[in-house]
């Protein structure tokens, strides 16, 4: 199997700094303390899973694997 094949597909993680948008369950939902932490966490997860990172208009991030 080549690198990037297999594994989970779809939304892997939702990262936000807004407590009202942090809902547990699947996919993984992470509450970051500030925007810097949000970007650091999002980039690390995307890199670890060879996934894409999408920043929403509200500032939250989605880590997506196609």
PDB file of N, CA and C in Angstrom:
ATOM      1  N   UNK A   1       0.855  -1.173   0.000  1.00  0.00           N
ATOM      2  CA  UNK A   1       0.000   0.000   0.000  1.00  0.00           C
ATOM      3  C   UNK A   1       0.894   1.227   0.000  1.00  0.00           C
ATOM      4  N   UNK A   2       0.633   2.146  -0.899  1.00  0.00           N
ATOM      5  CA  UNK A   2       1.471   3.342  -0.965  1.00  0.00           C
ATOM      6  C   UNK A   2       1.051   4.354   0.088  1.00  0.00           C
ATOM      7  N   UNK A   3       1.942   5.281   0.346  1.00  0.00           N
ATOM      8  CA  UNK A   3       1.694   6.315   1.352  1.00  0.00           C
ATOM      9  C   UNK A   3       0.450   7.113   0.975  1.00  0.00           C
ATOM     10  N   UNK A   4      -0.466   7.302   1.938  1.00  0.00           N
ATOM     11  CA  UNK A   4      -1.671   8.082   1.693  1.00  0.00           C
ATOM     12  C   UNK A   4      -2.881   7.240   1.322  1.00  0.00           C
ATOM     13  N   UNK A   5      -2.685   5.949   1.037  1.00  0.00           N
ATOM     14  CA  UNK A   5      -3.818   5.087   0.716  1.00  0.00           C
ATOM     15  C   UNK A   5      -4.410   4.502   1.991  1.00  0.00           C
ATOM     16  N   UNK A   6      -5.687   4.181   1.938  1.00  0.00           N
ATOM     17  CA  UNK A   6      -6.340   3.558   3.080  1.00  0.00           C
ATOM     18  C   UNK A   6      -6.578   4.545   4.207  1.00  0.00           C
ATOM     19  N   UNK A   7      -7.013   4.028   5.336  1.00  0.00           N
ATOM     20  CA  UNK A   7      -7.261   4.872   6.498  1.00  0.00           C
ATOM     21  C   UNK A   7      -8.603   5.562   6.417  1.00  0.00           C
ATOM     22  N   UNK A   8      -8.868   6.387   7.404  1.00  0.00           N
ATOM     23  CA  UNK A   8     -10.146   7.083   7.509  1.00  0.00           C
ATOM     24  C   UNK A   8     -10.293   8.131   6.416  1.00  0.00           C
ATOM     25  N   UNK A   9     -11.507   8.303   5.947  1.00  0.00           N
ATOM     26  CA  UNK A   9     -11.834   9.313   4.942  1.00  0.00           C
ATOM     27  C   UNK A   9     -12.902  10.233   5.534  1.00  0.00           C
ATOM     28  N   UNK A  10     -12.944  11.462   5.063  1.00  0.00           N
ATOM     29  CA  UNK A  10     -13.936  12.412   5.525  1.00  0.00           C
ATOM     30  C   UNK A  10     -13.340  13.381   6.537  1.00  0.00           C
ATOM     31  N   UNK A  11     -14.182  13.938   7.376  1.00  0.00           N
ATOM     32  CA  UNK A  11     -13.729  14.902   8.382  1.00  0.00           C
ATOM     33  C   UNK A  11     -13.066  14.139   9.523  1.00  0.00           C
ATOM     34  N   UNK A  12     -11.796  14.445   9.768  1.00  0.00           N
ATOM     35  CA  UNK A  12     -11.051  13.787  10.841  1.00  0.00           C
ATOM     36  C   UNK A  12     -11.113  14.576  12.139  1.00  0.00           C
ATOM     37  N   UNK A  13     -11.148  15.911  12.032  1.00  0.00           N
ATOM     38  CA  UNK A  13     -11.143  16.737  13.245  1.00  0.00           C
ATOM     39  C   UNK A  13     -11.760  18.107  12.967  1.00  0.00           C
ATOM     40  N   UNK A  14     -12.381  18.659  13.987  1.00  0.00           N
ATOM     41  CA  UNK A  14     -12.927  20.013  13.971  1.00  0.00           C
ATOM     42  C   UNK A  14     -12.272  20.749  15.128  1.00  0.00           C
ATOM     43  N   UNK A  15     -11.570  21.851  14.839  1.00  0.00           N
ATOM     44  CA  UNK A  15     -10.847  22.583  15.865  1.00  0.00           C
ATOM     45  C   UNK A  15     -11.420  23.994  15.950  1.00  0.00           C
ATOM     46  N   UNK A  16     -11.749  24.429  17.156  1.00  0.00           N
ATOM     47  CA  UNK A  16     -12.372  25.732  17.363  1.00  0.00           C
ATOM     48  C   UNK A  16     -11.827  26.395  18.624  1.00  0.00           C
ATOM     49  N   UNK A  17     -12.012  27.704  18.725  1.00  0.00           N
ATOM     50  CA  UNK A  17     -11.690  28.433  19.957  1.00  0.00           C
ATOM     51  C   UNK A  17     -12.971  28.866  20.674  1.00  0.00           C
ATOM     52  N   UNK A  18     -14.120  28.558  20.075  1.00  0.00           N
ATOM     53  CA  UNK A  18     -15.416  28.969  20.617  1.00  0.00           C
ATOM     54  C   UNK A  18     -16.054  27.805  21.366  1.00  0.00           C
ATOM     55  N   UNK A  19     -16.186  27.956  22.667  1.00  0.00           N
ATOM     56  CA  UNK A  19     -16.743  26.897  23.526  1.00  0.00           C
ATOM     57  C   UNK A  19     -18.147  26.468  23.088  1.00  0.00           C
ATOM     58  N   UNK A  20     -18.922  27.386  22.529  1.00  0.00           N
ATOM     59  CA  UNK A  20     -20.293  27.053  22.121  1.00  0.00           C
ATOM     60  C   UNK A  20     -20.325  26.181  20.866  1.00  0.00           C
ATOM     61  N   UNK A  21     -19.234  26.121  20.103  1.00  0.00           N
ATOM     62  CA  UNK A  21     -19.185  25.276  18.905  1.00  0.00           C
ATOM     63  C   UNK A  21     -18.426  23.976  19.157  1.00  0.00           C
ATOM     64  N   UNK A  22     -17.933  23.777  20.360  1.00  0.00           N
ATOM     65  CA  UNK A  22     -17.186  22.559  20.705  1.00  0.00           C
ATOM     66  C   UNK A  22     -18.169  21.496  21.141  1.00  0.00           C
ATOM     67  N   UNK A  23     -18.411  20.530  20.251  1.00  0.00           N
ATOM     68  CA  UNK A  23     -19.333  19.439  20.538  1.00  0.00           C
ATOM     69  C   UNK A  23     -18.558  18.143  20.404  1.00  0.00           C
ATOM     70  N   UNK A  24     -18.614  17.298  21.415  1.00  0.00           N
ATOM     71  CA  UNK A  24     -17.871  16.045  21.389  1.00  0.00           C
ATOM     72  C   UNK A  24     -18.469  15.034  20.430  1.00  0.00           C
ATOM     73  N   UNK A  25     -17.772  13.934  20.251  1.00  0.00           N
ATOM     74  CA  UNK A  25     -18.238  12.868  19.382  1.00  0.00           C
ATOM     75  C   UNK A  25     -17.339  12.694  18.185  1.00  0.00           C
ATOM     76  N   UNK A  26     -17.889  12.061  17.145  1.00  0.00           N
ATOM     77  CA  UNK A  26     -17.113  11.855  15.921  1.00  0.00           C
ATOM     78  C   UNK A  26     -17.576  12.877  14.900  1.00  0.00           C
ATOM     79  N   UNK A  27     -16.706  13.560  14.224  1.00  0.00           N
ATOM     80  CA  UNK A  27     -15.247  13.476  14.308  1.00  0.00           C
ATOM     81  C   UNK A  27     -14.727  14.120  15.587  1.00  0.00           C
ATOM     82  N   UNK A  28     -13.445  13.945  15.804  1.00  0.00           N
ATOM     83  CA  UNK A  28     -12.772  14.536  16.948  1.00  0.00           C
ATOM     84  C   UNK A  28     -13.008  16.040  16.971  1.00  0.00           C
ATOM     85  N   UNK A  29     -13.441  16.579  18.102  1.00  0.00           N
ATOM     86  CA  UNK A  29     -13.648  18.019  18.257  1.00  0.00           C
ATOM     87  C   UNK A  29     -12.683  18.518  19.334  1.00  0.00           C
ATOM     88  N   UNK A  30     -11.912  19.547  18.990  1.00  0.00           N
ATOM     89  CA  UNK A  30     -10.897  20.061  19.906  1.00  0.00           C
ATOM     90  C   UNK A  30     -11.158  21.536  20.176  1.00  0.00           C
ATOM     91  N   UNK A  31     -11.090  21.907  21.452  1.00  0.00           N
ATOM     92  CA  UNK A  31     -11.232  23.299  21.857  1.00  0.00           C
ATOM     93  C   UNK A  31      -9.844  23.864  22.119  1.00  0.00           C
ATOM     94  N   UNK A  32      -9.403  24.789  21.273  1.00  0.00           N
ATOM     95  CA  UNK A  32      -8.098  25.429  21.425  1.00  0.00           C
ATOM     96  C   UNK A  32      -8.256  26.688  22.276  1.00  0.00           C
ATOM     97  N   UNK A  33      -7.188  27.054  23.003  1.00  0.00           N
ATOM     98  CA  UNK A  33      -7.283  28.217  23.892  1.00  0.00           C
ATOM     99  C   UNK A  33      -7.233  29.539  23.135  1.00  0.00           C
ATOM    100  N   UNK A  34      -6.570  29.565  21.958  1.00  0.00           N
ATOM    101  CA  UNK A  34      -6.479  30.779  21.157  1.00  0.00           C
ATOM    102  C   UNK A  34      -6.196  30.427  19.708  1.00  0.00           C
ATOM    103  N   UNK A  35      -6.147  31.448  18.843  1.00  0.00           N
ATOM    104  CA  UNK A  35      -5.965  31.202  17.412  1.00  0.00           C
ATOM    105  C   UNK A  35      -4.613  30.560  17.097  1.00  0.00           C
ATOM    106  N   UNK A  36      -3.566  30.943  17.816  1.00  0.00           N
ATOM    107  CA  UNK A  36      -2.246  30.339  17.587  1.00  0.00           C
ATOM    108  C   UNK A  36      -2.272  28.841  17.869  1.00  0.00           C
ATOM    109  N   UNK A  37      -2.875  28.462  18.983  1.00  0.00           N
ATOM    110  CA  UNK A  37      -2.975  27.039  19.320  1.00  0.00           C
ATOM    111  C   UNK A  37      -3.850  26.305  18.305  1.00  0.00           C
ATOM    112  N   UNK A  38      -4.929  26.945  17.851  1.00  0.00           N
ATOM    113  CA  UNK A  38      -5.808  26.357  16.856  1.00  0.00           C
ATOM    114  C   UNK A  38      -5.025  26.013  15.589  1.00  0.00           C
ATOM    115  N   UNK A  39      -4.216  26.938  15.106  1.00  0.00           N
ATOM    116  CA  UNK A  39      -3.418  26.714  13.893  1.00  0.00           C
ATOM    117  C   UNK A  39      -2.377  25.624  14.124  1.00  0.00           C
ATOM    118  N   UNK A  40      -1.688  25.664  15.262  1.00  0.00           N
ATOM    119  CA  UNK A  40      -0.674  24.644  15.565  1.00  0.00           C
ATOM    120  C   UNK A  40      -1.268  23.241  15.613  1.00  0.00           C
ATOM    121  N   UNK A  41      -2.386  23.091  16.316  1.00  0.00           N
ATOM    122  CA  UNK A  41      -3.045  21.786  16.439  1.00  0.00           C
ATOM    123  C   UNK A  41      -3.548  21.315  15.079  1.00  0.00           C
ATOM    124  N   UNK A  42      -4.186  22.202  14.346  1.00  0.00           N
ATOM    125  CA  UNK A  42      -4.738  21.855  13.038  1.00  0.00           C
ATOM    126  C   UNK A  42      -3.650  21.383  12.085  1.00  0.00           C
ATOM    127  N   UNK A  43      -2.553  22.119  12.020  1.00  0.00           N
ATOM    128  CA  UNK A  43      -1.449  21.740  11.139  1.00  0.00           C
ATOM    129  C   UNK A  43      -0.837  20.406  11.544  1.00  0.00           C
ATOM    130  N   UNK A  44      -0.684  20.176  12.834  1.00  0.00           N
ATOM    131  CA  UNK A  44      -0.088  18.925  13.309  1.00  0.00           C
ATOM    132  C   UNK A  44      -0.964  17.727  12.956  1.00  0.00           C
ATOM    133  N   UNK A  45      -2.273  17.842  13.142  1.00  0.00           N
ATOM    134  CA  UNK A  45      -3.185  16.742  12.820  1.00  0.00           C
ATOM    135  C   UNK A  45      -3.199  16.487  11.315  1.00  0.00           C
ATOM    136  N   UNK A  46      -3.278  17.560  10.530  1.00  0.00           N
ATOM    137  CA  UNK A  46      -3.296  17.414   9.074  1.00  0.00           C
ATOM    138  C   UNK A  46      -2.017  16.745   8.578  1.00  0.00           C
ATOM    139  N   UNK A  47      -0.879  17.147   9.120  1.00  0.00           N
ATOM    140  CA  UNK A  47       0.395  16.558   8.715  1.00  0.00           C
ATOM    141  C   UNK A  47       0.473  15.084   9.119  1.00  0.00           C
ATOM    142  N   UNK A  48       0.044  14.778  10.325  1.00  0.00           N
ATOM    143  CA  UNK A  48       0.119  13.400  10.819  1.00  0.00           C
ATOM    144  C   UNK A  48      -0.725  12.433   9.986  1.00  0.00           C
ATOM    145  N   UNK A  49      -1.863  12.895   9.490  1.00  0.00           N
ATOM    146  CA  UNK A  49      -2.763  12.032   8.731  1.00  0.00           C
ATOM    147  C   UNK A  49      -2.686  12.266   7.223  1.00  0.00           C
ATOM    148  N   UNK A  50      -1.698  13.060   6.779  1.00  0.00           N
ATOM    149  CA  UNK A  50      -1.563  13.385   5.357  1.00  0.00           C
ATOM    150  C   UNK A  50      -2.898  13.878   4.809  1.00  0.00           C
ATOM    151  N   UNK A  51      -3.520  14.800   5.541  1.00  0.00           N
ATOM    152  CA  UNK A  51      -4.859  15.288   5.216  1.00  0.00           C
ATOM    153  C   UNK A  51      -4.803  16.767   4.831  1.00  0.00           C
ATOM    154  N   UNK A  52      -5.928  17.254   4.341  1.00  0.00           N
ATOM    155  CA  UNK A  52      -6.058  18.665   3.972  1.00  0.00           C
ATOM    156  C   UNK A  52      -6.614  19.456   5.138  1.00  0.00           C
ATOM    157  N   UNK A  53      -6.237  20.725   5.180  1.00  0.00           N
ATOM    158  CA  UNK A  53      -6.706  21.626   6.224  1.00  0.00           C
ATOM    159  C   UNK A  53      -7.572  22.697   5.582  1.00  0.00           C
ATOM    160  N   UNK A  54      -8.761  22.893   6.122  1.00  0.00           N
ATOM    161  CA  UNK A  54      -9.692  23.895   5.616  1.00  0.00           C
ATOM    162  C   UNK A  54     -10.029  24.848   6.753  1.00  0.00           C
ATOM    163  N   UNK A  55      -9.745  26.150   6.557  1.00  0.00           N
ATOM    164  CA  UNK A  55     -10.118  27.130   7.571  1.00  0.00           C
ATOM    165  C   UNK A  55     -11.447  27.752   7.169  1.00  0.00           C
ATOM    166  N   UNK A  56     -12.427  27.660   8.049  1.00  0.00           N
ATOM    167  CA  UNK A  56     -13.762  28.176   7.791  1.00  0.00           C
ATOM    168  C   UNK A  56     -13.810  29.687   8.001  1.00  0.00           C
ATOM    169  N   UNK A  57     -14.849  30.337   7.479  1.00  0.00           N
ATOM    170  CA  UNK A  57     -15.002  31.794   7.624  1.00  0.00           C
ATOM    171  C   UNK A  57     -15.084  32.225   9.082  1.00  0.00           C
ATOM    172  N   UNK A  58     -15.584  31.349   9.945  1.00  0.00           N
ATOM    173  CA  UNK A  58     -15.699  31.700  11.370  1.00  0.00           C
ATOM    174  C   UNK A  58     -14.379  31.515  12.123  1.00  0.00           C
ATOM    175  N   UNK A  59     -13.305  31.080  11.415  1.00  0.00           N
ATOM    176  CA  UNK A  59     -11.997  30.912  12.025  1.00  0.00           C
ATOM    177  C   UNK A  59     -11.692  29.486  12.470  1.00  0.00           C
ATOM    178  N   UNK A  60     -12.714  28.643  12.544  1.00  0.00           N
ATOM    179  CA  UNK A  60     -12.501  27.248  12.919  1.00  0.00           C
ATOM    180  C   UNK A  60     -11.805  26.498  11.789  1.00  0.00           C
ATOM    181  N   UNK A  61     -11.243  25.338  12.106  1.00  0.00           N
ATOM    182  CA  UNK A  61     -10.554  24.535  11.103  1.00  0.00           C
ATOM    183  C   UNK A  61     -11.131  23.131  11.039  1.00  0.00           C
ATOM    184  N   UNK A  62     -11.167  22.594   9.828  1.00  0.00           N
ATOM    185  CA  UNK A  62     -11.528  21.216   9.584  1.00  0.00           C
ATOM    186  C   UNK A  62     -10.322  20.507   9.007  1.00  0.00           C
ATOM    187  N   UNK A  63     -10.044  19.323   9.495  1.00  0.00           N
ATOM    188  CA  UNK A  63      -9.025  18.472   8.917  1.00  0.00           C
ATOM    189  C   UNK A  63      -9.777  17.400   8.141  1.00  0.00           C
ATOM    190  N   UNK A  64      -9.538  17.359   6.819  1.00  0.00           N
ATOM    191  CA  UNK A  64     -10.320  16.504   5.917  1.00  0.00           C
ATOM    192  C   UNK A  64      -9.388  15.576   5.153  1.00  0.00           C
ATOM    193  N   UNK A  65      -9.767  14.305   5.089  1.00  0.00           N
ATOM    194  CA  UNK A  65      -9.025  13.310   4.311  1.00  0.00           C
ATOM    195  C   UNK A  65      -9.914  12.866   3.163  1.00  0.00           C
ATOM    196  N   UNK A  66      -9.440  13.052   1.929  1.00  0.00           N
ATOM    197  CA  UNK A  66     -10.218  12.661   0.743  1.00  0.00           C
ATOM    198  C   UNK A  66      -9.938  11.227   0.370  1.00  0.00           C
TER     199      UNK A  66
END
